[in-house]
Amino acid sequence: MFLKDSRGLTFSTNMLIILFILILVFGAIVNIIDISSEKTMNSLEVEEIERITNEIVDILINNPGTPKHWENLYNFNIVNPGLSIENSSEVNDEEFYLNTVSFKKLQILKNGEYGNLITKKLFKNKMKSSISVYPINSNIDPIIISDDFNNYETSSSNIIAVNRTVRCDFYSDLSIISVSNIDKINSKVSSETNSENNFKINNNLYNTLDLCNHRNIEKNEHVDDEKYEWICKGFKLNKNDFEEKNYYIIFNENSVNKENYWILDTIKNHSNDEKIINSNKINLNDHLIQFFENENSMVFYLHSKINKNNIDKYEYVLIGVPKDLDISSFNIDYFKKQECYFIMRSYYDEN
């Protein structure tokens, strides 16, 4: 069949059909190529995001940042960020600890410096990200820090998550002395094996961890018997610290109302005033203040008389906290280092 237009040209309908089919096929091929190209670009983009995010996570958990202890600064513009815990001990030669995160540094990020230190200095403003720290111990709340991340999180298919296991110190730096299972095992170890904790008073050698000030005192010595075991630990406070902080004993739940007792006294004044442990948090300020009336510093002893039926579960930590820190919702686990999952999520910022 032939058609004739106004100019006298003829066309075959078959040719029109073939041309139409060719156009459809060509369009489909172009569309497939575009989709394939987009998938390739998306795959390359995901790989690049993953590479950058892994590198930044390694920097954060295996590097303390500069300058040293930058978390104590007021201006963070000169900071090269890193989150690992720096070593404050004179005994250990390590400058910092790998696969750790400092709670203080995390708090600085959470309190407004995430954009400056992470987005700007590490991601160069090219990517959005978030950091989540999930303690394996469910008694501690997770830490979530982000830079305008959540609005995009649900709609992006190119979000990368990098997960590492780290140790976070939380408020453990506020701990002065503590008793845990390892202390019970080593409670009878001689003080000479830990000379770094020794101090002298009136030319007598004492140790803050191992020696009890009731030793060798007739009828007053803390000696284990069939029902109870004693663990006694000393610590030194000065008057200025006492005036600036609140002091607490924090017990775990398994230590409360289990026929366990505590005594607080000093190197100079021995006490037999056993107080039953009936609360998991005891404010010591009222007990300490009487000793600082005529002294600028004092060595104290905290004596634990522990029911042997409960010895494996008994724990406490003695802490000194700034007066403006509310610890009413904190349990003992907040004052110990904890294993955590450190998760960084990231994506390219297309704005």
C-alpha atoms as a PDB file:
ATOM      1  CA  MET A   1       0.000   0.000   0.000  1.00  0.00           C
ATOM      2  CA  PHE A   2       1.282   3.454  -0.889  1.00  0.00           C
ATOM      3  CA  LEU A   3       0.396   6.898   0.432  1.00  0.00           C
ATOM      4  CA  LYS A   4       0.833  10.188  -1.318  1.00  0.00           C
ATOM      5  CA  ASP A   5       1.298  13.500   0.487  1.00  0.00           C
ATOM      6  CA  SER A   6       0.589  17.015  -0.759  1.00  0.00           C
ATOM      7  CA  ARG A   7       4.067  17.248  -2.322  1.00  0.00           C
ATOM      8  CA  GLY A   8       3.662  14.084  -4.249  1.00  0.00           C
ATOM      9  CA  LEU A   9       5.992  11.930  -2.096  1.00  0.00           C
ATOM     10  CA  THR A  10       4.997   8.366  -1.294  1.00  0.00           C
ATOM     11  CA  PHE A  11       5.770   6.378   1.853  1.00  0.00           C
ATOM     12  CA  SER A  12       5.308   2.792   2.736  1.00  0.00           C
ATOM     13  CA  THR A  13       3.456   2.143   5.967  1.00  0.00           C
ATOM     14  CA  ASN A  14       5.833  -0.745   6.569  1.00  0.00           C
ATOM     15  CA  MET A  15       8.771   1.614   6.516  1.00  0.00           C
ATOM     16  CA  LEU A  16       7.026   3.851   9.042  1.00  0.00           C
ATOM     17  CA  ILE A  17       6.449   0.899  11.333  1.00  0.00           C
ATOM     18  CA  ILE A  18      10.079  -0.194  11.024  1.00  0.00           C
ATOM     19  CA  LEU A  19      11.284   3.347  11.720  1.00  0.00           C
ATOM     20  CA  PHE A  20       9.032   3.573  14.760  1.00  0.00           C
ATOM     21  CA  ILE A  21      10.364   0.260  16.100  1.00  0.00           C
ATOM     22  CA  LEU A  22      13.950   1.385  15.513  1.00  0.00           C
ATOM     23  CA  ILE A  23      13.277   4.569  17.497  1.00  0.00           C
ATOM     24  CA  LEU A  24      11.839   2.559  20.365  1.00  0.00           C
ATOM     25  CA  VAL A  25      14.775   0.159  20.384  1.00  0.00           C
ATOM     26  CA  PHE A  26      17.279   2.980  20.248  1.00  0.00           C
ATOM     27  CA  GLY A  27      15.538   4.764  23.135  1.00  0.00           C
ATOM     28  CA  ALA A  28      15.524   1.569  25.212  1.00  0.00           C
ATOM     29  CA  ILE A  29      19.226   1.029  24.549  1.00  0.00           C
ATOM     30  CA  VAL A  30      20.042   4.604  25.551  1.00  0.00           C
ATOM     31  CA  ASN A  31      17.956   4.206  28.708  1.00  0.00           C
ATOM     32  CA  ILE A  32      19.729   0.951  29.614  1.00  0.00           C
ATOM     33  CA  ILE A  33      23.111   2.595  29.071  1.00  0.00           C
ATOM     34  CA  ASP A  34      22.079   5.527  31.271  1.00  0.00           C
ATOM     35  CA  ILE A  35      20.900   3.190  34.050  1.00  0.00           C
ATOM     36  CA  SER A  36      24.063   1.090  33.798  1.00  0.00           C
ATOM     37  CA  SER A  37      26.211   4.224  33.875  1.00  0.00           C
ATOM     38  CA  GLU A  38      24.288   5.531  36.901  1.00  0.00           C
ATOM     39  CA  LYS A  39      24.734   2.218  38.712  1.00  0.00           C
ATOM     40  CA  THR A  40      28.449   2.271  37.949  1.00  0.00           C
ATOM     41  CA  MET A  41      28.724   5.827  39.229  1.00  0.00           C
ATOM     42  CA  ASN A  42      26.726   4.924  42.356  1.00  0.00           C
ATOM     43  CA  SER A  43      28.963   1.900  42.992  1.00  0.00           C
ATOM     44  CA  LEU A  44      32.104   4.012  42.613  1.00  0.00           C
ATOM     45  CA  GLU A  45      30.595   6.677  44.856  1.00  0.00           C
ATOM     46  CA  VAL A  46      29.766   4.127  47.565  1.00  0.00           C
ATOM     47  CA  GLU A  47      33.287   2.689  47.419  1.00  0.00           C
ATOM     48  CA  GLU A  48      34.769   6.169  47.762  1.00  0.00           C
ATOM     49  CA  ILE A  49      32.510   7.055  50.704  1.00  0.00           C
ATOM     50  CA  GLU A  50      33.420   3.770  52.372  1.00  0.00           C
ATOM     51  CA  ARG A  51      37.162   4.342  51.879  1.00  0.00           C
ATOM     52  CA  ILE A  52      37.062   7.891  53.260  1.00  0.00           C
ATOM     53  CA  THR A  53      34.866   6.921  56.217  1.00  0.00           C
ATOM     54  CA  ASN A  54      37.131   4.011  57.176  1.00  0.00           C
ATOM     55  CA  GLU A  55      40.171   6.285  57.062  1.00  0.00           C
ATOM     56  CA  ILE A  56      38.492   8.887  59.255  1.00  0.00           C
ATOM     57  CA  VAL A  57      37.324   6.297  61.788  1.00  0.00           C
ATOM     58  CA  ASP A  58      40.912   5.017  62.031  1.00  0.00           C
ATOM     59  CA  ILE A  59      42.121   8.566  62.635  1.00  0.00           C
ATOM     60  CA  LEU A  60      39.558   9.159  65.370  1.00  0.00           C
ATOM     61  CA  ILE A  61      39.970   5.963  67.416  1.00  0.00           C
ATOM     62  CA  ASN A  62      43.744   5.528  66.991  1.00  0.00           C
ATOM     63  CA  ASN A  63      44.886   9.110  67.403  1.00  0.00           C
ATOM     64  CA  PRO A  64      44.413  11.505  70.357  1.00  0.00           C
ATOM     65  CA  GLY A  65      44.537  14.640  68.213  1.00  0.00           C
ATOM     66  CA  THR A  66      46.616  17.740  68.770  1.00  0.00           C
ATOM     67  CA  PRO A  67      47.448  19.648  70.832  1.00  0.00           C
ATOM     68  CA  LYS A  68      47.702  17.221  73.757  1.00  0.00           C
ATOM     69  CA  HIS A  69      44.568  17.066  75.885  1.00  0.00           C
ATOM     70  CA  TRP A  70      42.790  19.418  73.500  1.00  0.00           C
ATOM     71  CA  GLU A  71      39.535  18.622  75.289  1.00  0.00           C
ATOM     72  CA  ASN A  72      40.626  21.046  78.038  1.00  0.00           C
ATOM     73  CA  LEU A  73      40.837  24.027  75.652  1.00  0.00           C
ATOM     74  CA  TYR A  74      38.238  26.768  75.302  1.00  0.00           C
ATOM     75  CA  ASN A  75      38.936  27.493  71.627  1.00  0.00           C
ATOM     76  CA  PHE A  76      39.050  24.505  69.262  1.00  0.00           C
ATOM     77  CA  ASN A  77      40.072  26.247  66.030  1.00  0.00           C
ATOM     78  CA  ILE A  78      43.674  25.019  66.365  1.00  0.00           C
ATOM     79  CA  VAL A  79      42.647  21.421  67.080  1.00  0.00           C
ATOM     80  CA  ASN A  80      43.459  18.530  64.755  1.00  0.00           C
ATOM     81  CA  PRO A  81      40.801  16.080  65.920  1.00  0.00           C
ATOM     82  CA  GLY A  82      41.374  12.626  67.371  1.00  0.00           C
ATOM     83  CA  LEU A  83      39.323  10.859  70.039  1.00  0.00           C
ATOM     84  CA  SER A  84      41.598   8.221  71.566  1.00  0.00           C
ATOM     85  CA  ILE A  85      42.376   8.290  75.288  1.00  0.00           C
ATOM     86  CA  GLU A  86      45.675   9.873  76.275  1.00  0.00           C
ATOM     87  CA  ASN A  87      47.824   8.280  78.939  1.00  0.00           C
ATOM     88  CA  SER A  88      48.176  10.296  82.145  1.00  0.00           C
ATOM     89  CA  SER A  89      50.175   7.682  84.044  1.00  0.00           C
ATOM     90  CA  GLU A  90      53.870   8.234  84.656  1.00  0.00           C
ATOM     91  CA  VAL A  91      54.426   4.476  84.884  1.00  0.00           C
ATOM     92  CA  ASN A  92      53.144   3.536  81.422  1.00  0.00           C
ATOM     93  CA  ASP A  93      55.244   4.805  78.508  1.00  0.00           C
ATOM     94  CA  GLU A  94      52.390   4.705  76.008  1.00  0.00           C
ATOM     95  CA  GLU A  95      51.268   8.189  74.968  1.00  0.00           C
ATOM     96  CA  PHE A  96      47.758   7.063  74.080  1.00  0.00           C
ATOM     97  CA  TYR A  97      45.672   3.902  73.731  1.00  0.00           C
ATOM     98  CA  LEU A  98      44.586   2.425  70.409  1.00  0.00           C
ATOM     99  CA  ASN A  99      40.929   1.618  69.707  1.00  0.00           C
ATOM    100  CA  THR A 100      39.665   3.929  72.447  1.00  0.00           C
ATOM    101  CA  VAL A 101      37.493   7.032  72.594  1.00  0.00           C
ATOM    102  CA  SER A 102      37.573   9.743  75.228  1.00  0.00           C
ATOM    103  CA  PHE A 103      34.194  10.564  76.723  1.00  0.00           C
ATOM    104  CA  LYS A 104      35.252  14.193  77.269  1.00  0.00           C
ATOM    105  CA  LYS A 105      36.180  14.576  73.607  1.00  0.00           C
ATOM    106  CA  LEU A 106      32.876  13.033  72.530  1.00  0.00           C
ATOM    107  CA  GLN A 107      31.031  15.503  74.753  1.00  0.00           C
ATOM    108  CA  ILE A 108      32.816  18.412  73.078  1.00  0.00           C
ATOM    109  CA  LEU A 109      31.677  17.148  69.675  1.00  0.00           C
ATOM    110  CA  LYS A 110      28.145  16.735  70.989  1.00  0.00           C
ATOM    111  CA  ASN A 111      28.107  20.219  72.501  1.00  0.00           C
ATOM    112  CA  GLY A 112      28.557  22.007  69.175  1.00  0.00           C
ATOM    113  CA  GLU A 113      31.999  21.261  67.739  1.00  0.00           C
ATOM    114  CA  TYR A 114      31.078  18.342  65.465  1.00  0.00           C
ATOM    115  CA  GLY A 115      30.637  20.543  62.400  1.00  0.00           C
ATOM    116  CA  ASN A 116      33.956  22.309  62.941  1.00  0.00           C
ATOM    117  CA  LEU A 117      36.136  19.349  63.921  1.00  0.00           C
ATOM    118  CA  ILE A 118      34.614  16.480  61.927  1.00  0.00           C
ATOM    119  CA  THR A 119      32.623  17.867  58.974  1.00  0.00           C
ATOM    120  CA  LYS A 120      34.976  20.745  58.197  1.00  0.00           C
ATOM    121  CA  LYS A 121      38.422  19.490  59.229  1.00  0.00           C
ATOM    122  CA  LEU A 122      38.141  15.792  58.368  1.00  0.00           C
ATOM    123  CA  PHE A 123      35.448  15.562  55.669  1.00  0.00           C
ATOM    124  CA  LYS A 124      36.380  18.965  54.145  1.00  0.00           C
ATOM    125  CA  ASN A 125      32.670  19.880  54.019  1.00  0.00           C
ATOM    126  CA  LYS A 126      32.100  17.298  51.266  1.00  0.00           C
ATOM    127  CA  MET A 127      30.196  14.745  53.328  1.00  0.00           C
ATOM    128  CA  LYS A 128      27.640  14.610  56.095  1.00  0.00           C
ATOM    129  CA  SER A 129      28.121  12.137  58.917  1.00  0.00           C
ATOM    130  CA  SER A 130      27.108  10.982  62.374  1.00  0.00           C
ATOM    131  CA  ILE A 131      28.818   9.154  65.255  1.00  0.00           C
ATOM    132  CA  SER A 132      27.022   6.710  67.528  1.00  0.00           C
ATOM    133  CA  VAL A 133      28.608   5.012  70.538  1.00  0.00           C
ATOM    134  CA  TYR A 134      26.618   2.050  71.838  1.00  0.00           C
ATOM    135  CA  PRO A 135      27.917   0.548  75.122  1.00  0.00           C
ATOM    136  CA  ILE A 136      27.755  -3.238  75.179  1.00  0.00           C
ATOM    137  CA  ASN A 137      26.628  -2.778  78.790  1.00  0.00           C
ATOM    138  CA  SER A 138      22.941  -1.928  78.417  1.00  0.00           C
ATOM    139  CA  ASN A 139      22.942  -0.055  81.750  1.00  0.00           C
ATOM    140  CA  ILE A 140      24.589   2.909  80.010  1.00  0.00           C
ATOM    141  CA  ASP A 141      22.836   5.184  77.525  1.00  0.00           C
ATOM    142  CA  PRO A 142      24.239   5.429  73.976  1.00  0.00           C
ATOM    143  CA  ILE A 143      25.858   8.621  72.676  1.00  0.00           C
ATOM    144  CA  ILE A 144      24.489   9.977  69.368  1.00  0.00           C
ATOM    145  CA  ILE A 145      26.254  12.891  67.629  1.00  0.00           C
ATOM    146  CA  SER A 146      25.390  14.223  64.157  1.00  0.00           C
ATOM    147  CA  ASP A 147      25.728  17.244  61.885  1.00  0.00           C
ATOM    148  CA  ASP A 148      22.283  17.718  60.324  1.00  0.00           C
ATOM    149  CA  PHE A 149      22.344  14.042  59.371  1.00  0.00           C
ATOM    150  CA  ASN A 150      18.974  12.630  60.349  1.00  0.00           C
ATOM    151  CA  ASN A 151      16.904  14.605  57.807  1.00  0.00           C
ATOM    152  CA  TYR A 152      18.692  12.852  54.955  1.00  0.00           C
ATOM    153  CA  GLU A 153      19.289   9.489  56.522  1.00  0.00           C
ATOM    154  CA  THR A 154      16.067   7.788  55.507  1.00  0.00           C
ATOM    155  CA  SER A 155      16.090   8.920  51.841  1.00  0.00           C
ATOM    156  CA  SER A 156      19.682   8.240  50.789  1.00  0.00           C
ATOM    157  CA  SER A 157      20.727   4.913  49.286  1.00  0.00           C
ATOM    158  CA  ASN A 158      24.417   5.792  49.533  1.00  0.00           C
ATOM    159  CA  ILE A 159      24.812   5.948  53.320  1.00  0.00           C
ATOM    160  CA  ILE A 160      27.856   4.033  54.535  1.00  0.00           C
ATOM    161  CA  ALA A 161      28.171   2.681  58.104  1.00  0.00           C
ATOM    162  CA  VAL A 162      31.545   1.736  59.592  1.00  0.00           C
ATOM    163  CA  ASN A 163      31.453  -0.195  62.883  1.00  0.00           C
ATOM    164  CA  ARG A 164      34.408  -0.724  65.254  1.00  0.00           C
ATOM    165  CA  THR A 165      34.690  -2.062  68.813  1.00  0.00           C
ATOM    166  CA  VAL A 166      36.364   0.445  71.131  1.00  0.00           C
ATOM    167  CA  ARG A 167      36.778   1.186  74.820  1.00  0.00           C
ATOM    168  CA  CYS A 168      35.268   4.394  76.201  1.00  0.00           C
ATOM    169  CA  ASP A 169      36.314   5.826  79.575  1.00  0.00           C
ATOM    170  CA  PHE A 170      33.000   7.605  80.390  1.00  0.00           C
ATOM    171  CA  TYR A 171      33.440   9.109  83.917  1.00  0.00           C
ATOM    172  CA  SER A 172      36.118   6.655  85.058  1.00  0.00           C
ATOM    173  CA  ASP A 173      38.612   9.511  85.530  1.00  0.00           C
ATOM    174  CA  LEU A 174      36.508  10.653  88.505  1.00  0.00           C
ATOM    175  CA  SER A 175      37.186   7.387  90.323  1.00  0.00           C
ATOM    176  CA  ILE A 176      39.565   7.625  93.294  1.00  0.00           C
ATOM    177  CA  ILE A 177      39.462   4.048  94.548  1.00  0.00           C
ATOM    178  CA  SER A 178      37.295   1.059  93.729  1.00  0.00           C
ATOM    179  CA  VAL A 179      36.702  -2.575  94.552  1.00  0.00           C
ATOM    180  CA  SER A 180      36.010  -5.114  91.842  1.00  0.00           C
ATOM    181  CA  ASN A 181      36.576  -8.840  91.439  1.00  0.00           C
ATOM    182  CA  ILE A 182      40.257  -8.415  90.695  1.00  0.00           C
ATOM    183  CA  ASP A 183      40.713  -6.483  93.965  1.00  0.00           C
ATOM    184  CA  LYS A 184      39.154  -9.327  95.923  1.00  0.00           C
ATOM    185  CA  ILE A 185      41.597 -11.770  94.354  1.00  0.00           C
ATOM    186  CA  ASN A 186      44.563  -9.530  95.124  1.00  0.00           C
ATOM    187  CA  SER A 187      43.403  -8.071  98.424  1.00  0.00           C
ATOM    188  CA  LYS A 188      46.121  -9.880 100.383  1.00  0.00           C
ATOM    189  CA  VAL A 189      49.027  -8.861  98.112  1.00  0.00           C
ATOM    190  CA  SER A 190      51.888  -7.093  99.887  1.00  0.00           C
ATOM    191  CA  SER A 191      52.153  -3.346  99.390  1.00  0.00           C
ATOM    192  CA  GLU A 192      55.834  -3.569  98.495  1.00  0.00           C
ATOM    193  CA  THR A 193      54.823  -4.936  95.078  1.00  0.00           C
ATOM    194  CA  ASN A 194      53.144  -1.644  94.154  1.00  0.00           C
ATOM    195  CA  SER A 195      55.557   1.048  95.251  1.00  0.00           C
ATOM    196  CA  GLU A 196      54.039   3.756  93.035  1.00  0.00           C
ATOM    197  CA  ASN A 197      51.159   4.074  95.520  1.00  0.00           C
ATOM    198  CA  ASN A 198      53.318   4.319  98.633  1.00  0.00           C
ATOM    199  CA  PHE A 199      53.503   7.440 100.770  1.00  0.00           C
ATOM    200  CA  LYS A 200      55.027   8.352 104.130  1.00  0.00           C
ATOM    201  CA  ILE A 201      53.472   9.797 107.241  1.00  0.00           C
ATOM    202  CA  ASN A 202      55.632  10.303 110.310  1.00  0.00           C
ATOM    203  CA  ASN A 203      58.360   8.228 108.623  1.00  0.00           C
ATOM    204  CA  ASN A 204      56.024   5.248 108.312  1.00  0.00           C
ATOM    205  CA  LEU A 205      55.454   3.730 104.877  1.00  0.00           C
ATOM    206  CA  TYR A 206      51.857   3.289 103.784  1.00  0.00           C
ATOM    207  CA  ASN A 207      50.201   2.174 100.585  1.00  0.00           C
ATOM    208  CA  THR A 208      46.957   3.620  99.224  1.00  0.00           C
ATOM    209  CA  LEU A 209      45.708   0.257  97.965  1.00  0.00           C
ATOM    210  CA  ASP A 210      46.807  -2.535 100.231  1.00  0.00           C
ATOM    211  CA  LEU A 211      47.609  -1.516 103.778  1.00  0.00           C
ATOM    212  CA  CYS A 212      44.879  -1.155 106.355  1.00  0.00           C
ATOM    213  CA  ASN A 213      45.490   1.418 109.080  1.00  0.00           C
ATOM    214  CA  HIS A 214      44.056  -1.061 111.586  1.00  0.00           C
ATOM    215  CA  ARG A 215      46.904  -3.492 111.040  1.00  0.00           C
ATOM    216  CA  ASN A 216      48.664  -4.719 114.150  1.00  0.00           C
ATOM    217  CA  ILE A 217      46.259  -2.872 116.439  1.00  0.00           C
ATOM    218  CA  GLU A 218      45.232  -5.177 119.249  1.00  0.00           C
ATOM    219  CA  LYS A 219      41.504  -5.978 119.332  1.00  0.00           C
ATOM    220  CA  ASN A 220      40.954  -3.564 116.456  1.00  0.00           C
ATOM    221  CA  GLU A 221      42.567  -5.332 113.527  1.00  0.00           C
ATOM    222  CA  HIS A 222      40.417  -6.195 110.547  1.00  0.00           C
ATOM    223  CA  VAL A 223      40.715  -9.955 110.351  1.00  0.00           C
ATOM    224  CA  ASP A 224      38.586 -12.191 108.154  1.00  0.00           C
ATOM    225  CA  ASP A 225      36.370 -14.729 109.872  1.00  0.00           C
ATOM    226  CA  GLU A 226      33.929 -17.422 108.800  1.00  0.00           C
ATOM    227  CA  LYS A 227      31.231 -14.961 107.775  1.00  0.00           C
ATOM    228  CA  TYR A 228      33.014 -11.767 106.689  1.00  0.00           C
ATOM    229  CA  GLU A 229      35.986 -10.667 104.642  1.00  0.00           C
ATOM    230  CA  TRP A 230      37.651  -7.251 104.889  1.00  0.00           C
ATOM    231  CA  ILE A 231      38.959  -5.149 102.000  1.00  0.00           C
ATOM    232  CA  CYS A 232      40.476  -1.848 103.093  1.00  0.00           C
ATOM    233  CA  LYS A 233      41.742   0.902 100.808  1.00  0.00           C
ATOM    234  CA  GLY A 234      43.299   4.261 101.496  1.00  0.00           C
ATOM    235  CA  PHE A 235      43.213   7.526  99.580  1.00  0.00           C
ATOM    236  CA  LYS A 236      44.572  11.017 100.073  1.00  0.00           C
ATOM    237  CA  LEU A 237      42.525  14.241  99.789  1.00  0.00           C
ATOM    238  CA  ASN A 238      43.473  17.857 100.264  1.00  0.00           C
ATOM    239  CA  LYS A 239      41.217  20.609 101.518  1.00  0.00           C
ATOM    240  CA  ASN A 240      41.029  22.457  98.196  1.00  0.00           C
ATOM    241  CA  ASP A 241      39.783  19.358  96.384  1.00  0.00           C
ATOM    242  CA  PHE A 242      37.207  18.783  99.096  1.00  0.00           C
ATOM    243  CA  GLU A 243      35.872  22.336  98.752  1.00  0.00           C
ATOM    244  CA  GLU A 244      35.528  22.013  94.959  1.00  0.00           C
ATOM    245  CA  LYS A 245      33.961  18.543  94.705  1.00  0.00           C
ATOM    246  CA  ASN A 246      31.294  16.260  96.067  1.00  0.00           C
ATOM    247  CA  TYR A 247      32.428  12.804  97.161  1.00  0.00           C
ATOM    248  CA  TYR A 248      30.324   9.668  96.895  1.00  0.00           C
ATOM    249  CA  ILE A 249      30.563   5.926  97.336  1.00  0.00           C
ATOM    250  CA  ILE A 250      28.629   4.246  94.511  1.00  0.00           C
ATOM    251  CA  PHE A 251      27.730   0.593  95.097  1.00  0.00           C
ATOM    252  CA  ASN A 252      26.364  -1.858  92.568  1.00  0.00           C
ATOM    253  CA  GLU A 253      22.879  -3.213  93.211  1.00  0.00           C
ATOM    254  CA  ASN A 254      24.218  -6.578  94.395  1.00  0.00           C
ATOM    255  CA  SER A 255      26.019  -4.929  97.314  1.00  0.00           C
ATOM    256  CA  VAL A 256      22.993  -3.207  98.849  1.00  0.00           C
ATOM    257  CA  ASN A 257      21.042  -4.772 101.731  1.00  0.00           C
ATOM    258  CA  LYS A 258      23.236  -7.880 101.761  1.00  0.00           C
ATOM    259  CA  GLU A 259      24.686  -7.534 105.282  1.00  0.00           C
ATOM    260  CA  ASN A 260      27.681  -5.595 103.982  1.00  0.00           C
ATOM    261  CA  TYR A 261      29.205  -2.742 106.005  1.00  0.00           C
ATOM    262  CA  TRP A 262      31.558   0.204 105.498  1.00  0.00           C
ATOM    263  CA  ILE A 263      33.773   2.297 107.776  1.00  0.00           C
ATOM    264  CA  LEU A 264      35.471   5.605 106.987  1.00  0.00           C
ATOM    265  CA  ASP A 265      38.389   6.766 109.137  1.00  0.00           C
ATOM    266  CA  THR A 266      41.857   8.328 108.809  1.00  0.00           C
ATOM    267  CA  ILE A 267      45.465   7.379 109.322  1.00  0.00           C
ATOM    268  CA  LYS A 268      45.361   9.172 112.670  1.00  0.00           C
ATOM    269  CA  ASN A 269      41.877   8.344 113.889  1.00  0.00           C
ATOM    270  CA  HIS A 270      40.657   4.764 113.879  1.00  0.00           C
ATOM    271  CA  SER A 271      36.970   4.019 113.873  1.00  0.00           C
ATOM    272  CA  ASN A 272      34.860   0.936 114.486  1.00  0.00           C
ATOM    273  CA  ASP A 273      31.624   2.610 113.425  1.00  0.00           C
ATOM    274  CA  GLU A 274      30.274   0.034 110.974  1.00  0.00           C
ATOM    275  CA  LYS A 275      27.492   1.375 108.749  1.00  0.00           C
ATOM    276  CA  ILE A 276      25.307  -1.069 106.882  1.00  0.00           C
ATOM    277  CA  ILE A 277      25.110  -0.584 103.115  1.00  0.00           C
ATOM    278  CA  ASN A 278      21.428   0.119 102.451  1.00  0.00           C
ATOM    279  CA  SER A 279      21.747   2.532  99.510  1.00  0.00           C
ATOM    280  CA  ASN A 280      23.685   2.379  96.261  1.00  0.00           C
ATOM    281  CA  LYS A 281      24.835   6.004  96.598  1.00  0.00           C
ATOM    282  CA  ILE A 282      26.309   7.582  99.761  1.00  0.00           C
ATOM    283  CA  ASN A 283      27.364  11.228  99.964  1.00  0.00           C
ATOM    284  CA  LEU A 284      30.582  11.433 101.988  1.00  0.00           C
ATOM    285  CA  ASN A 285      30.908  15.201 102.316  1.00  0.00           C
ATOM    286  CA  ASP A 286      29.286  15.322 105.763  1.00  0.00           C
ATOM    287  CA  HIS A 287      31.614  12.550 106.920  1.00  0.00           C
ATOM    288  CA  LEU A 288      34.750  14.185 105.485  1.00  0.00           C
ATOM    289  CA  ILE A 289      34.237  17.769 106.567  1.00  0.00           C
ATOM    290  CA  GLN A 290      34.997  17.100 110.243  1.00  0.00           C
ATOM    291  CA  PHE A 291      38.506  15.932 109.345  1.00  0.00           C
ATOM    292  CA  PHE A 292      39.406  19.119 107.464  1.00  0.00           C
ATOM    293  CA  GLU A 293      38.694  21.509 110.300  1.00  0.00           C
ATOM    294  CA  ASN A 294      42.357  21.542 111.356  1.00  0.00           C
ATOM    295  CA  GLU A 295      44.036  19.800 108.413  1.00  0.00           C
ATOM    296  CA  ASN A 296      44.934  20.846 104.850  1.00  0.00           C
ATOM    297  CA  SER A 297      45.290  17.261 103.660  1.00  0.00           C
ATOM    298  CA  MET A 298      44.468  13.862 105.070  1.00  0.00           C
ATOM    299  CA  VAL A 299      44.870  10.166 104.280  1.00  0.00           C
ATOM    300  CA  PHE A 300      41.531   8.383 104.604  1.00  0.00           C
ATOM    301  CA  TYR A 301      40.658   4.698 104.706  1.00  0.00           C
ATOM    302  CA  LEU A 302      37.492   3.104 103.412  1.00  0.00           C
ATOM    303  CA  HIS A 303      36.977  -0.321 104.997  1.00  0.00           C
ATOM    304  CA  SER A 304      34.592  -2.858 103.477  1.00  0.00           C
ATOM    305  CA  LYS A 305      33.275  -5.655 105.669  1.00  0.00           C
ATOM    306  CA  ILE A 306      31.773  -8.015 103.125  1.00  0.00           C
ATOM    307  CA  ASN A 307      29.423 -10.919 103.684  1.00  0.00           C
ATOM    308  CA  LYS A 308      31.207 -13.916 102.170  1.00  0.00           C
ATOM    309  CA  ASN A 309      27.946 -15.133 100.661  1.00  0.00           C
ATOM    310  CA  ASN A 310      28.017 -11.937  98.579  1.00  0.00           C
ATOM    311  CA  ILE A 311      31.753 -11.514  98.001  1.00  0.00           C
ATOM    312  CA  ASP A 312      31.689 -12.358  94.281  1.00  0.00           C
ATOM    313  CA  LYS A 313      29.103  -9.677  93.548  1.00  0.00           C
ATOM    314  CA  TYR A 314      30.358  -6.883  95.790  1.00  0.00           C
ATOM    315  CA  GLU A 315      31.582  -3.720  94.028  1.00  0.00           C
ATOM    316  CA  TYR A 316      31.973  -0.048  94.774  1.00  0.00           C
ATOM    317  CA  VAL A 317      33.686   3.023  93.411  1.00  0.00           C
ATOM    318  CA  LEU A 318      34.588   6.135  95.401  1.00  0.00           C
ATOM    319  CA  ILE A 319      34.355   9.247  93.243  1.00  0.00           C
ATOM    320  CA  GLY A 320      35.025  12.966  93.473  1.00  0.00           C
ATOM    321  CA  VAL A 321      32.796  14.934  91.086  1.00  0.00           C
ATOM    322  CA  PRO A 322      32.509  18.668  90.308  1.00  0.00           C
ATOM    323  CA  LYS A 323      29.761  20.247  92.349  1.00  0.00           C
ATOM    324  CA  ASP A 324      27.802  21.204  89.213  1.00  0.00           C
ATOM    325  CA  LEU A 325      27.654  17.611  87.909  1.00  0.00           C
ATOM    326  CA  ASP A 326      24.346  15.893  88.614  1.00  0.00           C
ATOM    327  CA  ILE A 327      24.946  12.156  89.052  1.00  0.00           C
ATOM    328  CA  SER A 328      21.457  11.282  90.308  1.00  0.00           C
ATOM    329  CA  SER A 329      20.751   9.130  87.226  1.00  0.00           C
ATOM    330  CA  PHE A 330      24.191   7.489  87.080  1.00  0.00           C
ATOM    331  CA  ASN A 331      24.911   3.972  88.254  1.00  0.00           C
ATOM    332  CA  ILE A 332      28.317   2.488  89.062  1.00  0.00           C
ATOM    333  CA  ASP A 333      28.922   1.445  85.439  1.00  0.00           C
ATOM    334  CA  TYR A 334      29.290   5.078  84.343  1.00  0.00           C
ATOM    335  CA  PHE A 335      32.483   5.292  86.407  1.00  0.00           C
ATOM    336  CA  LYS A 336      34.188   2.336  84.734  1.00  0.00           C
ATOM    337  CA  LYS A 337      35.697   1.952  81.280  1.00  0.00           C
ATOM    338  CA  GLN A 338      33.299   0.168  78.961  1.00  0.00           C
ATOM    339  CA  GLU A 339      33.487  -1.765  75.702  1.00  0.00           C
ATOM    340  CA  CYS A 340      31.363  -0.074  73.022  1.00  0.00           C
ATOM    341  CA  TYR A 341      30.404  -0.189  69.360  1.00  0.00           C
ATOM    342  CA  PHE A 342      31.653   2.932  67.585  1.00  0.00           C
ATOM    343  CA  ILE A 343      29.568   3.525  64.450  1.00  0.00           C
ATOM    344  CA  MET A 344      30.137   6.297  61.906  1.00  0.00           C
ATOM    345  CA  ARG A 345      27.548   6.840  59.144  1.00  0.00           C
ATOM    346  CA  SER A 346      28.290   9.109  56.193  1.00  0.00           C
ATOM    347  CA  TYR A 347      27.113  10.191  52.725  1.00  0.00           C
ATOM    348  CA  TYR A 348      28.071  12.763  50.095  1.00  0.00           C
ATOM    349  CA  ASP A 349      26.578  16.191  50.645  1.00  0.00           C
ATOM    350  CA  GLU A 350      25.087  17.118  47.247  1.00  0.00           C
ATOM    351  CA  ASN A 351      24.130  20.650  48.299  1.00  0.00           C
END
